Amino acid sequence: MTDKEYMQIAIEISKKSKIPYGAIIVKDDKMLGRSDNFNANELYRHAEYKAIQDAIQKKSIHNQLCGATIYILFD
Protein backbone atom coordinates (compact mmCIF):
# COMPACT_ATOMS: atom_id res chain seq x y z
CA MET A 1 0.00 0.00 0.00
CA THR A 2 1.05 3.60 -0.46
CA ASP A 3 1.32 6.40 2.09
CA LYS A 4 -1.83 7.89 0.57
CA GLU A 5 -3.75 4.65 1.08
CA TYR A 6 -2.60 4.34 4.69
CA MET A 7 -3.55 7.97 5.30
CA GLN A 8 -7.00 7.22 3.89
CA ILE A 9 -7.42 4.51 6.54
CA ALA A 10 -6.57 7.07 9.26
CA ILE A 11 -9.14 9.43 7.70
CA GLU A 12 -11.82 6.72 7.75
CA ILE A 13 -11.05 5.96 11.41
CA SER A 14 -11.38 9.67 12.15
CA LYS A 15 -14.77 9.86 10.43
CA LYS A 16 -16.11 6.93 12.47
CA SER A 17 -14.64 8.06 15.79
CA LYS A 18 -16.46 9.86 18.59
CA ILE A 19 -13.70 12.44 18.38
CA PRO A 20 -12.36 13.57 15.00
CA TYR A 21 -8.96 11.95 14.81
CA GLY A 22 -7.47 8.66 13.78
CA ALA A 23 -4.10 6.95 13.65
CA ILE A 24 -2.53 3.75 12.40
CA ILE A 25 0.96 2.31 12.81
CA VAL A 26 2.53 0.52 9.86
CA LYS A 27 5.79 -1.36 9.45
CA ASP A 28 6.85 -3.51 6.51
CA ASP A 29 3.38 -3.09 4.95
CA LYS A 30 1.67 -4.54 8.03
CA MET A 31 -0.71 -2.53 10.17
CA LEU A 32 0.46 -2.97 13.75
CA GLY A 33 -1.97 -0.71 15.60
CA ARG A 34 -5.07 1.45 15.15
CA SER A 35 -6.84 4.09 17.20
CA ASP A 36 -10.36 2.66 16.79
CA ASN A 37 -12.61 1.50 19.59
CA PHE A 38 -12.31 4.32 22.08
CA ASN A 39 -14.31 3.97 25.25
CA ALA A 40 -15.62 6.75 27.48
CA ASN A 41 -12.47 6.76 29.62
CA GLU A 42 -10.23 7.31 26.60
CA LEU A 43 -11.93 10.26 24.88
CA TYR A 44 -9.08 12.65 25.67
CA ARG A 45 -6.20 10.38 24.75
CA HIS A 46 -4.30 11.18 21.59
CA ALA A 47 -4.86 8.94 18.58
CA GLU A 48 -1.17 8.12 18.31
CA TYR A 49 -1.12 6.97 21.95
CA LYS A 50 -4.14 4.74 21.34
CA ALA A 51 -2.57 3.24 18.18
CA ILE A 52 0.68 2.47 20.03
CA GLN A 53 -1.25 0.99 22.95
CA ASP A 54 -3.26 -1.14 20.51
CA ALA A 55 -0.11 -2.45 18.81
CA ILE A 56 1.49 -3.37 22.12
CA GLN A 57 -1.65 -5.05 23.51
CA LYS A 58 -2.28 -7.04 20.35
CA LYS A 59 1.10 -8.61 19.90
CA SER A 60 3.43 -7.50 22.66
CA ILE A 61 5.59 -5.91 20.00
CA HIS A 62 6.89 -2.85 21.82
CA ASN A 63 10.42 -3.56 20.61
CA GLN A 64 9.23 -3.98 17.00
CA LEU A 65 7.79 -0.47 16.73
CA CYS A 66 11.24 0.94 16.00
CA GLY A 67 11.26 1.98 12.33
CA ALA A 68 7.47 1.94 12.01
CA THR A 69 5.47 4.81 10.48
CA ILE A 70 2.48 6.38 12.15
CA TYR A 71 -0.25 8.04 10.09
CA ILE A 72 -2.34 10.53 12.05
CA LEU A 73 -5.32 12.70 11.15
CA PHE A 74 -6.64 15.43 13.42
CA ASP A 75 -9.75 16.86 11.83
C-alpha atoms as a PDB file:
ATOM      1  CA  MET A   1       0.000   0.000   0.000  1.00  0.00           C
ATOM      2  CA  THR A   2       1.046   3.596  -0.462  1.00  0.00           C
ATOM      3  CA  ASP A   3       1.317   6.403   2.086  1.00  0.00           C
ATOM      4  CA  LYS A   4      -1.830   7.891   0.574  1.00  0.00           C
ATOM      5  CA  GLU A   5      -3.752   4.649   1.084  1.00  0.00           C
ATOM      6  CA  TYR A   6      -2.605   4.340   4.691  1.00  0.00           C
ATOM      7  CA  MET A   7      -3.550   7.969   5.305  1.00  0.00           C
ATOM      8  CA  GLN A   8      -6.999   7.215   3.886  1.00  0.00           C
ATOM      9  CA  ILE A   9      -7.420   4.514   6.536  1.00  0.00           C
ATOM     10  CA  ALA A  10      -6.574   7.071   9.256  1.00  0.00           C
ATOM     11  CA  ILE A  11      -9.138   9.430   7.698  1.00  0.00           C
ATOM     12  CA  GLU A  12     -11.821   6.725   7.747  1.00  0.00           C
ATOM     13  CA  ILE A  13     -11.048   5.961  11.410  1.00  0.00           C
ATOM     14  CA  SER A  14     -11.381   9.666  12.151  1.00  0.00           C
ATOM     15  CA  LYS A  15     -14.769   9.861  10.426  1.00  0.00           C
ATOM     16  CA  LYS A  16     -16.113   6.935  12.466  1.00  0.00           C
ATOM     17  CA  SER A  17     -14.636   8.061  15.795  1.00  0.00           C
ATOM     18  CA  LYS A  18     -16.463   9.858  18.591  1.00  0.00           C
ATOM     19  CA  ILE A  19     -13.703  12.442  18.379  1.00  0.00           C
ATOM     20  CA  PRO A  20     -12.362  13.573  14.997  1.00  0.00           C
ATOM     21  CA  TYR A  21      -8.964  11.952  14.811  1.00  0.00           C
ATOM     22  CA  GLY A  22      -7.474   8.665  13.776  1.00  0.00           C
ATOM     23  CA  ALA A  23      -4.098   6.948  13.647  1.00  0.00           C
ATOM     24  CA  ILE A  24      -2.528   3.751  12.401  1.00  0.00           C
ATOM     25  CA  ILE A  25       0.964   2.310  12.808  1.00  0.00           C
ATOM     26  CA  VAL A  26       2.528   0.517   9.857  1.00  0.00           C
ATOM     27  CA  LYS A  27       5.794  -1.365   9.449  1.00  0.00           C
ATOM     28  CA  ASP A  28       6.845  -3.510   6.511  1.00  0.00           C
ATOM     29  CA  ASP A  29       3.375  -3.089   4.947  1.00  0.00           C
ATOM     30  CA  LYS A  30       1.673  -4.539   8.032  1.00  0.00           C
ATOM     31  CA  MET A  31      -0.712  -2.532  10.165  1.00  0.00           C
ATOM     32  CA  LEU A  32       0.458  -2.965  13.749  1.00  0.00           C
ATOM     33  CA  GLY A  33      -1.974  -0.711  15.602  1.00  0.00           C
ATOM     34  CA  ARG A  34      -5.067   1.448  15.153  1.00  0.00           C
ATOM     35  CA  SER A  35      -6.835   4.092  17.196  1.00  0.00           C
ATOM     36  CA  ASP A  36     -10.362   2.659  16.788  1.00  0.00           C
ATOM     37  CA  ASN A  37     -12.607   1.503  19.586  1.00  0.00           C
ATOM     38  CA  PHE A  38     -12.307   4.321  22.083  1.00  0.00           C
ATOM     39  CA  ASN A  39     -14.306   3.966  25.252  1.00  0.00           C
ATOM     40  CA  ALA A  40     -15.618   6.755  27.475  1.00  0.00           C
ATOM     41  CA  ASN A  41     -12.469   6.757  29.625  1.00  0.00           C
ATOM     42  CA  GLU A  42     -10.230   7.314  26.596  1.00  0.00           C
ATOM     43  CA  LEU A  43     -11.927  10.258  24.884  1.00  0.00           C
ATOM     44  CA  TYR A  44      -9.084  12.651  25.672  1.00  0.00           C
ATOM     45  CA  ARG A  45      -6.195  10.381  24.748  1.00  0.00           C
ATOM     46  CA  HIS A  46      -4.304  11.182  21.591  1.00  0.00           C
ATOM     47  CA  ALA A  47      -4.864   8.943  18.578  1.00  0.00           C
ATOM     48  CA  GLU A  48      -1.167   8.125  18.314  1.00  0.00           C
ATOM     49  CA  TYR A  49      -1.124   6.968  21.955  1.00  0.00           C
ATOM     50  CA  LYS A  50      -4.136   4.735  21.343  1.00  0.00           C
ATOM     51  CA  ALA A  51      -2.571   3.236  18.184  1.00  0.00           C
ATOM     52  CA  ILE A  52       0.680   2.468  20.033  1.00  0.00           C
ATOM     53  CA  GLN A  53      -1.254   0.985  22.952  1.00  0.00           C
ATOM     54  CA  ASP A  54      -3.257  -1.137  20.514  1.00  0.00           C
ATOM     55  CA  ALA A  55      -0.108  -2.453  18.814  1.00  0.00           C
ATOM     56  CA  ILE A  56       1.492  -3.374  22.125  1.00  0.00           C
ATOM     57  CA  GLN A  57      -1.647  -5.054  23.509  1.00  0.00           C
ATOM     58  CA  LYS A  58      -2.283  -7.044  20.353  1.00  0.00           C
ATOM     59  CA  LYS A  59       1.099  -8.615  19.896  1.00  0.00           C
ATOM     60  CA  SER A  60       3.430  -7.502  22.665  1.00  0.00           C
ATOM     61  CA  ILE A  61       5.585  -5.911  20.004  1.00  0.00           C
ATOM     62  CA  HIS A  62       6.893  -2.848  21.824  1.00  0.00           C
ATOM     63  CA  ASN A  63      10.424  -3.560  20.605  1.00  0.00           C
ATOM     64  CA  GLN A  64       9.228  -3.981  17.001  1.00  0.00           C
ATOM     65  CA  LEU A  65       7.789  -0.467  16.725  1.00  0.00           C
ATOM     66  CA  CYS A  66      11.239   0.936  15.996  1.00  0.00           C
ATOM     67  CA  GLY A  67      11.260   1.975  12.332  1.00  0.00           C
ATOM     68  CA  ALA A  68       7.465   1.942  12.010  1.00  0.00           C
ATOM     69  CA  THR A  69       5.475   4.811  10.476  1.00  0.00           C
ATOM     70  CA  ILE A  70       2.477   6.380  12.147  1.00  0.00           C
ATOM     71  CA  TYR A  71      -0.251   8.038  10.085  1.00  0.00           C
ATOM     72  CA  ILE A  72      -2.343  10.533  12.049  1.00  0.00           C
ATOM     73  CA  LEU A  73      -5.320  12.704  11.145  1.00  0.00           C
ATOM     74  CA  PHE A  74      -6.637  15.431  13.416  1.00  0.00           C
ATOM     75  CA  ASP A  75      -9.747  16.862  11.828  1.00  0.00           C
END
